[in-house]
N, C-alpha and C. Protein backbone atom coordinates (compact mmCIF):
# COMPACT_ATOMS: atom_id res chain seq x y z
N MET A 1 -25.48 -54.33 -40.72
CA MET A 1 -26.17 -52.89 -40.65
C MET A 1 -25.14 -51.57 -40.62
N THR A 2 -24.16 -52.31 -39.08
CA THR A 2 -23.30 -50.80 -39.13
C THR A 2 -22.04 -50.77 -40.14
N ALA A 3 -22.37 -51.44 -40.25
CA ALA A 3 -20.54 -51.79 -41.40
C ALA A 3 -20.93 -51.01 -42.90
N MET A 4 -22.25 -50.99 -42.80
CA MET A 4 -22.86 -50.00 -44.32
C MET A 4 -22.84 -49.34 -44.23
N ARG A 5 -23.82 -48.85 -42.87
CA ARG A 5 -23.72 -47.53 -42.94
C ARG A 5 -22.58 -46.59 -42.74
N THR A 6 -21.13 -47.33 -42.32
CA THR A 6 -19.65 -46.68 -42.14
C THR A 6 -18.98 -46.56 -43.70
N ARG A 7 -18.92 -47.71 -44.12
CA ARG A 7 -18.98 -47.27 -45.20
C ARG A 7 -19.50 -46.06 -46.17
N ARG A 8 -20.69 -45.99 -46.21
CA ARG A 8 -21.39 -45.01 -46.83
C ARG A 8 -20.71 -43.46 -46.44
N TRP A 9 -20.60 -43.90 -44.70
CA TRP A 9 -20.59 -42.02 -44.43
C TRP A 9 -18.82 -41.42 -45.13
N ASP A 10 -17.83 -43.43 -45.10
CA ASP A 10 -16.68 -42.99 -45.61
C ASP A 10 -16.91 -42.78 -46.63
N ARG A 11 -17.15 -43.01 -47.50
CA ARG A 11 -17.29 -42.34 -48.67
C ARG A 11 -17.99 -41.17 -49.12
N ARG A 12 -18.54 -40.23 -48.06
CA ARG A 12 -19.07 -39.36 -48.75
C ARG A 12 -17.81 -38.67 -47.70
N GLY A 13 -17.18 -38.67 -46.69
CA GLY A 13 -16.68 -37.82 -46.51
C GLY A 13 -15.47 -38.18 -46.92
N LEU A 14 -14.48 -38.62 -48.24
CA LEU A 14 -13.54 -38.84 -48.61
C LEU A 14 -14.01 -38.16 -49.84
N ALA A 15 -15.26 -38.25 -50.72
CA ALA A 15 -15.94 -37.24 -50.94
C ALA A 15 -16.04 -35.92 -50.63
N LEU A 16 -16.08 -35.54 -49.53
CA LEU A 16 -16.46 -34.01 -49.62
C LEU A 16 -15.31 -33.61 -48.94
N ILE A 17 -14.49 -34.68 -48.60
CA ILE A 17 -13.06 -34.22 -48.73
C ILE A 17 -12.38 -33.83 -50.12
N LEU A 18 -12.12 -34.73 -51.27
CA LEU A 18 -11.63 -34.67 -52.51
C LEU A 18 -12.00 -32.85 -52.29
N PHE A 19 -13.24 -32.74 -53.15
CA PHE A 19 -14.30 -31.68 -53.33
C PHE A 19 -13.80 -30.37 -52.68
N ALA A 20 -13.88 -30.20 -51.30
CA ALA A 20 -12.93 -28.64 -50.55
C ALA A 20 -11.31 -28.78 -50.77
N GLY A 21 -10.87 -30.09 -51.15
CA GLY A 21 -9.09 -29.95 -51.49
C GLY A 21 -8.82 -29.04 -52.95
N ALA A 22 -10.19 -29.45 -53.82
CA ALA A 22 -10.00 -28.67 -54.93
C ALA A 22 -10.91 -27.60 -55.68
N LEU A 23 -11.10 -27.08 -54.55
CA LEU A 23 -11.52 -26.08 -54.67
C LEU A 23 -11.01 -24.55 -54.86
N PRO A 24 -10.11 -24.89 -54.00
CA PRO A 24 -9.18 -23.37 -54.32
C PRO A 24 -8.46 -23.79 -55.76
N LEU A 25 -7.98 -25.19 -56.27
CA LEU A 25 -8.03 -25.23 -58.12
C LEU A 25 -8.65 -24.34 -58.86
N LEU A 26 -9.78 -24.39 -58.21
CA LEU A 26 -11.38 -23.96 -59.43
C LEU A 26 -10.89 -22.58 -59.28
N GLY A 27 -10.75 -21.64 -58.45
CA GLY A 27 -10.53 -20.73 -58.30
C GLY A 27 -11.55 -19.60 -59.14
N CYS A 28 -11.16 -18.28 -59.11
CA CYS A 28 -12.75 -17.40 -59.68
C CYS A 28 -11.82 -16.77 -61.20
N GLY A 29 -10.85 -17.53 -61.30
CA GLY A 29 -10.25 -16.67 -62.42
C GLY A 29 -8.65 -16.30 -62.68
N PRO A 30 -7.81 -15.73 -63.46
CA PRO A 30 -6.13 -15.19 -62.94
C PRO A 30 -6.82 -14.19 -61.36
N ASN A 31 -5.32 -14.81 -61.47
CA ASN A 31 -5.00 -13.91 -59.80
C ASN A 31 -4.68 -12.31 -60.51
N VAL A 32 -5.80 -11.35 -60.60
CA VAL A 32 -4.96 -10.24 -61.68
C VAL A 32 -5.16 -8.97 -60.34
N LYS A 33 -3.90 -8.13 -60.53
CA LYS A 33 -4.15 -6.65 -59.45
C LYS A 33 -4.76 -6.06 -59.90
N ASN A 34 -6.09 -5.12 -59.99
CA ASN A 34 -6.48 -4.02 -59.81
C ASN A 34 -5.69 -2.45 -59.81
N HIS A 35 -6.03 -1.52 -60.41
CA HIS A 35 -5.28 -0.38 -60.17
C HIS A 35 -6.31 1.01 -60.31
N PRO A 36 -6.14 1.69 -59.63
CA PRO A 36 -7.70 3.54 -59.84
C PRO A 36 -7.11 3.56 -61.67
N VAL A 37 -7.54 4.20 -62.53
CA VAL A 37 -7.26 4.90 -63.57
C VAL A 37 -8.09 6.57 -64.15
N SER A 38 -7.39 7.20 -64.12
CA SER A 38 -8.12 8.44 -64.31
C SER A 38 -7.02 8.65 -65.21
N GLY A 39 -8.04 10.45 -65.78
CA GLY A 39 -7.37 10.59 -67.74
C GLY A 39 -7.93 12.25 -67.49
N THR A 40 -7.74 12.07 -69.07
CA THR A 40 -8.54 13.67 -69.97
C THR A 40 -9.24 12.82 -71.70
N VAL A 41 -10.12 13.41 -71.93
CA VAL A 41 -10.49 13.32 -73.11
C VAL A 41 -10.22 14.74 -73.68
N LYS A 42 -9.63 15.09 -74.35
CA LYS A 42 -9.77 16.40 -75.50
C LYS A 42 -10.06 16.02 -76.78
N TYR A 43 -10.33 16.84 -77.23
CA TYR A 43 -10.48 16.87 -78.12
C TYR A 43 -9.00 17.25 -79.67
N GLU A 44 -8.27 16.95 -80.27
CA GLU A 44 -7.02 17.47 -81.33
C GLU A 44 -6.76 18.82 -80.83
N ASP A 45 -7.98 19.79 -81.33
CA ASP A 45 -7.49 21.36 -80.90
C ASP A 45 -7.49 22.27 -79.42
N GLY A 46 -7.94 20.90 -78.29
CA GLY A 46 -7.09 20.80 -76.60
C GLY A 46 -8.33 21.60 -76.16
N THR A 47 -9.76 21.15 -76.70
CA THR A 47 -11.10 21.66 -76.17
C THR A 47 -11.31 19.83 -75.76
N ASP A 48 -12.54 20.39 -74.01
CA ASP A 48 -12.75 19.21 -73.91
C ASP A 48 -13.31 18.29 -74.02
N LEU A 49 -13.95 16.98 -73.87
CA LEU A 49 -15.18 15.99 -74.56
C LEU A 49 -15.80 16.29 -73.38
N LYS A 50 -17.00 17.49 -73.91
CA LYS A 50 -18.15 17.59 -72.12
C LYS A 50 -18.85 16.16 -70.92
N ALA A 51 -18.92 15.36 -72.18
CA ALA A 51 -20.05 13.80 -71.67
C ALA A 51 -19.57 13.14 -72.65
N GLY A 52 -19.09 11.46 -72.31
CA GLY A 52 -19.75 10.71 -73.23
C GLY A 52 -18.94 9.37 -71.57
N THR A 53 -18.35 8.56 -72.74
CA THR A 53 -17.86 6.99 -72.53
C THR A 53 -16.78 6.99 -72.02
N VAL A 54 -15.06 6.50 -71.70
CA VAL A 54 -14.08 5.57 -72.18
C VAL A 54 -14.55 4.23 -71.68
N THR A 55 -14.13 3.60 -72.37
CA THR A 55 -14.27 2.12 -71.95
C THR A 55 -12.82 1.78 -72.10
N PHE A 56 -12.20 0.33 -71.39
CA PHE A 56 -11.32 -0.40 -71.44
C PHE A 56 -12.05 -1.66 -72.16
N SER A 57 -10.64 -1.60 -73.32
CA SER A 57 -11.29 -3.67 -74.06
C SER A 57 -10.36 -4.12 -74.18
N PRO A 58 -9.98 -5.64 -73.90
CA PRO A 58 -8.75 -5.80 -73.28
C PRO A 58 -7.73 -6.46 -75.22
N ALA A 59 -6.76 -5.18 -74.62
CA ALA A 59 -5.94 -5.65 -76.06
C ALA A 59 -5.22 -7.29 -76.23
N GLU A 60 -4.60 -7.66 -77.45
CA GLU A 60 -4.24 -8.97 -78.03
C GLU A 60 -3.03 -8.55 -76.87
N GLY A 61 -2.74 -10.23 -75.96
CA GLY A 61 -2.31 -11.07 -75.28
C GLY A 61 -2.54 -10.41 -73.38
N ASN A 62 -3.81 -9.71 -73.70
CA ASN A 62 -3.60 -9.28 -72.53
C ASN A 62 -4.54 -10.60 -71.75
N ALA A 63 -4.38 -11.42 -70.34
CA ALA A 63 -4.52 -12.45 -69.37
C ALA A 63 -6.13 -12.63 -69.49
N TYR A 64 -6.35 -11.17 -68.88
CA TYR A 64 -8.02 -11.28 -68.09
C TYR A 64 -8.70 -10.64 -69.53
N LYS A 65 -10.14 -11.31 -69.37
CA LYS A 65 -11.01 -11.18 -70.25
C LYS A 65 -12.38 -10.90 -69.27
N PRO A 66 -12.57 -9.47 -69.13
CA PRO A 66 -14.10 -9.30 -68.63
C PRO A 66 -14.93 -9.51 -68.76
N SER A 67 -15.94 -9.96 -68.57
CA SER A 67 -17.59 -10.75 -68.29
C SER A 67 -18.64 -9.73 -69.48
N ALA A 68 -17.86 -7.93 -68.70
CA ALA A 68 -18.45 -7.08 -69.20
C ALA A 68 -17.63 -5.75 -69.42
N PRO A 69 -18.07 -4.78 -70.12
CA PRO A 69 -16.70 -4.14 -70.49
C PRO A 69 -17.04 -2.83 -68.51
N ILE A 70 -15.31 -2.31 -69.28
CA ILE A 70 -15.07 -1.60 -67.50
C ILE A 70 -14.71 0.08 -68.28
N SER A 71 -15.68 0.30 -68.28
CA SER A 71 -15.57 1.49 -68.25
C SER A 71 -16.16 3.03 -67.30
N GLY A 72 -16.10 4.27 -67.56
CA GLY A 72 -16.04 4.93 -67.10
C GLY A 72 -17.20 6.25 -67.18
N GLN A 73 -17.60 7.22 -66.91
CA GLN A 73 -17.97 7.93 -67.37
C GLN A 73 -17.59 9.52 -67.45
N ILE A 74 -17.28 10.49 -68.51
CA ILE A 74 -16.18 11.58 -69.03
C ILE A 74 -17.35 12.58 -68.55
N THR A 75 -16.65 13.18 -67.90
CA THR A 75 -17.29 13.86 -67.35
C THR A 75 -16.48 15.71 -67.71
N ASP A 76 -16.90 16.73 -68.21
CA ASP A 76 -15.74 18.32 -68.36
C ASP A 76 -14.82 17.44 -68.38
N GLY A 77 -14.16 16.51 -69.53
CA GLY A 77 -13.03 16.43 -70.07
C GLY A 77 -11.89 15.19 -69.26
N LYS A 78 -13.11 15.06 -67.68
CA LYS A 78 -12.27 13.82 -66.99
C LYS A 78 -13.16 12.47 -66.63
N PHE A 79 -12.46 11.37 -66.47
CA PHE A 79 -12.69 10.44 -66.34
C PHE A 79 -11.74 10.03 -65.08
N SER A 80 -12.64 8.76 -64.03
CA SER A 80 -11.78 7.37 -63.47
C SER A 80 -12.55 7.09 -63.01
N ILE A 81 -11.82 5.13 -62.94
CA ILE A 81 -12.40 4.17 -63.15
C ILE A 81 -12.15 3.15 -61.82
N LYS A 82 -12.98 3.51 -60.33
CA LYS A 82 -11.76 2.41 -59.64
C LYS A 82 -10.95 1.52 -59.71
N GLU A 83 -10.93 1.28 -60.50
CA GLU A 83 -10.51 -0.23 -60.76
C GLU A 83 -10.18 -1.14 -62.41
N VAL A 84 -9.23 -1.19 -62.64
CA VAL A 84 -9.02 -1.50 -63.71
C VAL A 84 -7.87 -2.71 -63.60
N PRO A 85 -7.95 -3.60 -63.77
CA PRO A 85 -7.02 -5.23 -63.69
C PRO A 85 -5.98 -4.66 -64.93
N GLU A 86 -4.21 -5.39 -63.96
CA GLU A 86 -3.97 -4.94 -64.79
C GLU A 86 -3.54 -5.41 -66.29
N GLY A 87 -2.81 -5.37 -66.49
CA GLY A 87 -2.81 -5.50 -68.35
C GLY A 87 -2.76 -5.00 -69.85
N LYS A 88 -2.46 -5.26 -70.68
CA LYS A 88 -2.75 -4.07 -71.94
C LYS A 88 -4.62 -4.27 -72.30
N TRP A 89 -4.86 -2.18 -72.24
CA TRP A 89 -6.56 -2.27 -73.30
C TRP A 89 -6.19 -1.11 -74.00
N LYS A 90 -7.16 -1.67 -75.04
CA LYS A 90 -7.42 -0.34 -76.08
C LYS A 90 -8.40 0.94 -75.05
N VAL A 91 -8.67 1.68 -75.11
CA VAL A 91 -9.22 2.57 -74.94
C VAL A 91 -10.12 3.63 -76.40
N LEU A 92 -11.32 2.84 -75.65
CA LEU A 92 -12.81 3.05 -76.70
C LEU A 92 -13.19 4.60 -75.74
N VAL A 93 -13.92 5.78 -76.79
CA VAL A 93 -14.47 6.48 -76.42
C VAL A 93 -15.92 7.15 -77.32
N THR A 94 -16.58 6.89 -76.61
CA THR A 94 -17.61 7.35 -77.21
C THR A 94 -18.21 8.74 -76.44
N GLY A 95 -18.83 9.61 -77.04
CA GLY A 95 -19.46 10.87 -76.50
C GLY A 95 -21.10 10.73 -76.43
N SER A 96 -21.55 11.77 -75.66
CA SER A 96 -23.06 11.62 -75.48
C SER A 96 -23.77 13.68 -75.75
N SER A 97 -24.97 12.72 -75.90
CA SER A 97 -25.20 14.21 -76.12
C SER A 97 -25.44 15.17 -75.15
N ALA A 98 -24.97 15.45 -74.56
CA ALA A 98 -25.17 16.26 -73.70
C ALA A 98 -23.03 17.21 -73.60
N ALA A 99 -22.58 15.94 -74.90
CA ALA A 99 -20.98 16.44 -74.82
C ALA A 99 -21.33 17.41 -76.12
N GLY A 100 -22.52 18.20 -76.38
CA GLY A 100 -22.05 19.05 -77.46
C GLY A 100 -22.61 18.48 -79.08
N MET A 101 -22.75 17.49 -78.77
CA MET A 101 -23.90 16.87 -80.23
C MET A 101 -25.26 18.43 -80.57
N GLN A 102 -25.06 18.07 -81.78
CA GLN A 102 -25.61 19.19 -82.63
C GLN A 102 -27.50 19.09 -82.50
N THR A 103 -27.93 19.34 -81.78
CA THR A 103 -29.87 18.67 -81.55
C THR A 103 -30.66 20.72 -82.90
N THR A 104 -31.54 19.64 -83.33
CA THR A 104 -31.99 20.61 -84.13
C THR A 104 -33.21 20.00 -83.95
N THR A 105 -34.80 20.97 -83.85
CA THR A 105 -35.86 20.02 -84.08
C THR A 105 -36.48 21.40 -84.62
N PRO A 106 -36.98 21.10 -85.78
CA PRO A 106 -37.86 21.78 -86.32
C PRO A 106 -39.38 22.54 -85.98
N LYS A 107 -39.25 23.76 -85.92
CA LYS A 107 -41.22 23.79 -86.11
C LYS A 107 -42.21 23.35 -86.51
N ASP A 108 -43.42 23.03 -86.00
CA ASP A 108 -44.18 22.56 -87.13
C ASP A 108 -44.69 23.55 -87.99
N PRO A 109 -44.77 23.45 -88.95
CA PRO A 109 -45.24 24.74 -90.08
C PRO A 109 -46.77 24.83 -89.99
N GLY A 110 -47.70 24.14 -89.35
CA GLY A 110 -49.10 25.16 -88.78
C GLY A 110 -49.76 25.72 -87.35
N VAL A 111 -48.48 25.24 -86.93
CA VAL A 111 -48.40 26.00 -85.59
C VAL A 111 -47.31 27.17 -84.87
N THR A 112 -47.81 28.37 -85.29
CA THR A 112 -45.84 29.44 -84.77
C THR A 112 -46.21 29.39 -83.21
N GLY A 113 -44.06 28.66 -83.43
CA GLY A 113 -43.56 28.88 -82.10
C GLY A 113 -43.80 27.05 -81.17
N ALA A 114 -44.81 26.68 -82.11
CA ALA A 114 -44.76 25.10 -81.23
C ALA A 114 -43.98 24.11 -81.79
N PRO A 115 -43.11 23.50 -81.28
CA PRO A 115 -42.23 22.51 -81.65
C PRO A 115 -42.71 20.90 -82.66
N ALA A 116 -42.32 21.34 -83.82
CA ALA A 116 -42.44 19.75 -84.31
C ALA A 116 -42.53 18.34 -83.54
N THR A 117 -43.29 17.20 -84.20
CA THR A 117 -43.75 16.76 -83.67
C THR A 117 -42.41 15.27 -84.27
N ALA A 118 -41.55 15.91 -85.22
CA ALA A 118 -40.70 14.75 -85.55
C ALA A 118 -39.36 14.79 -84.62
N PRO A 119 -38.78 13.79 -84.65
CA PRO A 119 -37.93 13.31 -83.57
C PRO A 119 -36.31 14.92 -84.28
N ALA A 120 -35.56 14.76 -83.27
CA ALA A 120 -34.61 15.69 -83.22
C ALA A 120 -33.63 14.71 -84.18
N THR A 121 -32.76 15.70 -85.07
CA THR A 121 -31.77 15.19 -84.87
C THR A 121 -30.35 15.55 -84.65
N GLU A 122 -29.41 14.38 -84.36
CA GLU A 122 -28.36 14.88 -83.81
C GLU A 122 -26.59 14.80 -84.64
N SER A 123 -26.13 14.56 -84.25
CA SER A 123 -24.51 14.54 -84.94
C SER A 123 -23.51 14.01 -83.30
N SER A 124 -22.85 13.20 -84.03
CA SER A 124 -21.92 12.60 -82.56
C SER A 124 -20.91 13.64 -82.42
N PRO A 125 -20.69 13.43 -81.07
CA PRO A 125 -19.59 14.99 -80.97
C PRO A 125 -17.65 14.34 -81.17
N VAL A 126 -17.95 12.69 -81.34
CA VAL A 126 -17.00 12.20 -81.68
C VAL A 126 -16.46 11.27 -82.93
N ALA A 127 -15.69 11.17 -83.33
CA ALA A 127 -15.53 10.41 -84.79
C ALA A 127 -15.69 8.81 -84.37
N PRO A 128 -16.44 7.88 -85.13
CA PRO A 128 -16.63 6.56 -85.07
C PRO A 128 -15.77 5.84 -84.65
N LYS A 129 -15.01 6.03 -85.08
CA LYS A 129 -12.96 5.44 -85.37
C LYS A 129 -13.26 5.08 -83.75
N TYR A 130 -13.70 5.92 -83.13
CA TYR A 130 -12.83 5.68 -81.83
C TYR A 130 -13.10 4.77 -80.94
N ASN A 131 -14.45 4.26 -81.06
CA ASN A 131 -15.82 3.21 -80.58
C ASN A 131 -15.55 2.05 -81.30
N ASP A 132 -14.36 1.90 -81.35
CA ASP A 132 -14.29 0.25 -82.59
C ASP A 132 -12.98 -0.13 -82.63
N PRO A 133 -13.12 -1.28 -81.79
CA PRO A 133 -11.28 -1.70 -81.01
C PRO A 133 -10.46 -1.93 -82.41
N ASP A 134 -10.81 -2.14 -83.62
CA ASP A 134 -10.39 -2.76 -83.98
C ASP A 134 -9.66 -1.27 -85.90
N LYS A 135 -10.39 -0.24 -85.16
CA LYS A 135 -10.49 0.85 -85.75
C LYS A 135 -9.32 1.94 -85.04
N THR A 136 -9.40 2.07 -83.37
CA THR A 136 -9.33 3.29 -83.24
C THR A 136 -7.97 3.27 -82.94
N PRO A 137 -7.31 4.71 -82.97
CA PRO A 137 -5.81 5.26 -83.23
C PRO A 137 -5.36 5.52 -81.85
N VAL A 138 -6.40 5.29 -80.59
CA VAL A 138 -5.73 5.15 -79.39
C VAL A 138 -5.08 4.50 -79.55
N PRO A 139 -3.32 5.03 -78.97
CA PRO A 139 -1.96 3.60 -78.72
C PRO A 139 -2.74 2.87 -77.11
N VAL A 140 -2.56 1.48 -77.87
CA VAL A 140 -2.87 0.62 -75.92
C VAL A 140 -2.04 0.89 -75.03
N VAL A 141 -2.61 0.93 -73.61
CA VAL A 141 -2.73 1.23 -72.32
C VAL A 141 -2.46 -0.03 -71.93
N GLU A 142 -1.19 0.18 -70.93
CA GLU A 142 -0.84 -0.24 -70.08
C GLU A 142 -0.94 -0.54 -68.73
N VAL A 143 -1.53 -1.46 -67.49
CA VAL A 143 -2.54 -0.63 -66.59
C VAL A 143 -1.35 -1.41 -65.45
N LYS A 144 -0.29 -0.93 -64.88
CA LYS A 144 0.17 -1.44 -64.05
C LYS A 144 0.69 -0.60 -62.66
N ASP A 145 1.57 -1.18 -61.82
CA ASP A 145 1.81 0.01 -60.96
C ASP A 145 2.56 0.75 -61.26
N GLY A 146 2.29 2.38 -60.32
CA GLY A 146 2.83 3.57 -60.59
C GLY A 146 2.68 3.69 -62.30
N MET A 147 1.70 3.90 -62.54
CA MET A 147 1.05 4.68 -63.97
C MET A 147 0.45 5.90 -63.50
N SER A 148 0.49 7.12 -64.70
CA SER A 148 0.38 7.89 -65.04
C SER A 148 -1.29 7.59 -65.42
N SER A 149 -1.66 9.29 -65.53
CA SER A 149 -2.81 9.32 -65.93
C SER A 149 -2.56 8.67 -67.41
N VAL A 150 -4.02 8.55 -67.95
CA VAL A 150 -4.49 8.08 -68.86
C VAL A 150 -4.68 9.51 -70.28
N ASP A 151 -4.14 10.26 -70.86
CA ASP A 151 -4.94 11.24 -72.22
C ASP A 151 -5.17 10.73 -72.55
N VAL A 152 -5.81 10.78 -73.98
CA VAL A 152 -6.53 10.48 -74.79
C VAL A 152 -6.61 11.71 -75.76
N LYS A 153 -6.62 11.44 -76.67
CA LYS A 153 -7.16 12.49 -77.79
C LYS A 153 -7.79 11.68 -79.05
N VAL A 154 -9.41 13.15 -78.96
CA VAL A 154 -10.18 12.42 -80.73
C VAL A 154 -10.29 13.63 -81.01
N SER A 155 -10.99 12.93 -82.75
CA SER A 155 -11.72 13.89 -83.17
C SER A 155 -12.82 13.55 -83.05
N LYS A 156 -13.31 15.54 -83.83
CA LYS A 156 -14.69 15.57 -84.31
C LYS A 156 -15.17 14.58 -86.27
N PRO A 157 -16.26 14.24 -85.88
CA PRO A 157 -16.67 13.45 -87.09
C PRO A 157 -16.70 14.70 -88.29
């Protein structure tokens, strides 16, 4: 009986040692260094994009493939992201309603001065191609040690 218990323990102990030894080999993905990235987003005429989102999407050849977008908010033409992994990234830009979208609400013709119940109409402050990884004209950015700011120019639709 004692010999059987010892063999069971030996097998469990061996399995535990093998499992613990294999953990470093599994890892959590590639060992990639992160860097803070900041910059500006302006229209071609030099005015700031007031509000929106800047997103870093992996470019071809980038070893790091995030499970969620790496994004930051644009406020008064500026953005800052605390951690972006090293590598080559496509920079995508989306404007938001606070970014100068023209919103119009027609008045209800039946009541003087009252807003209509119809939804407001909006037009985007940034051309759609800047939010398409296959069409964006923004050059690929390489995030690495010692990089300077990322300055992006966009056009209106």
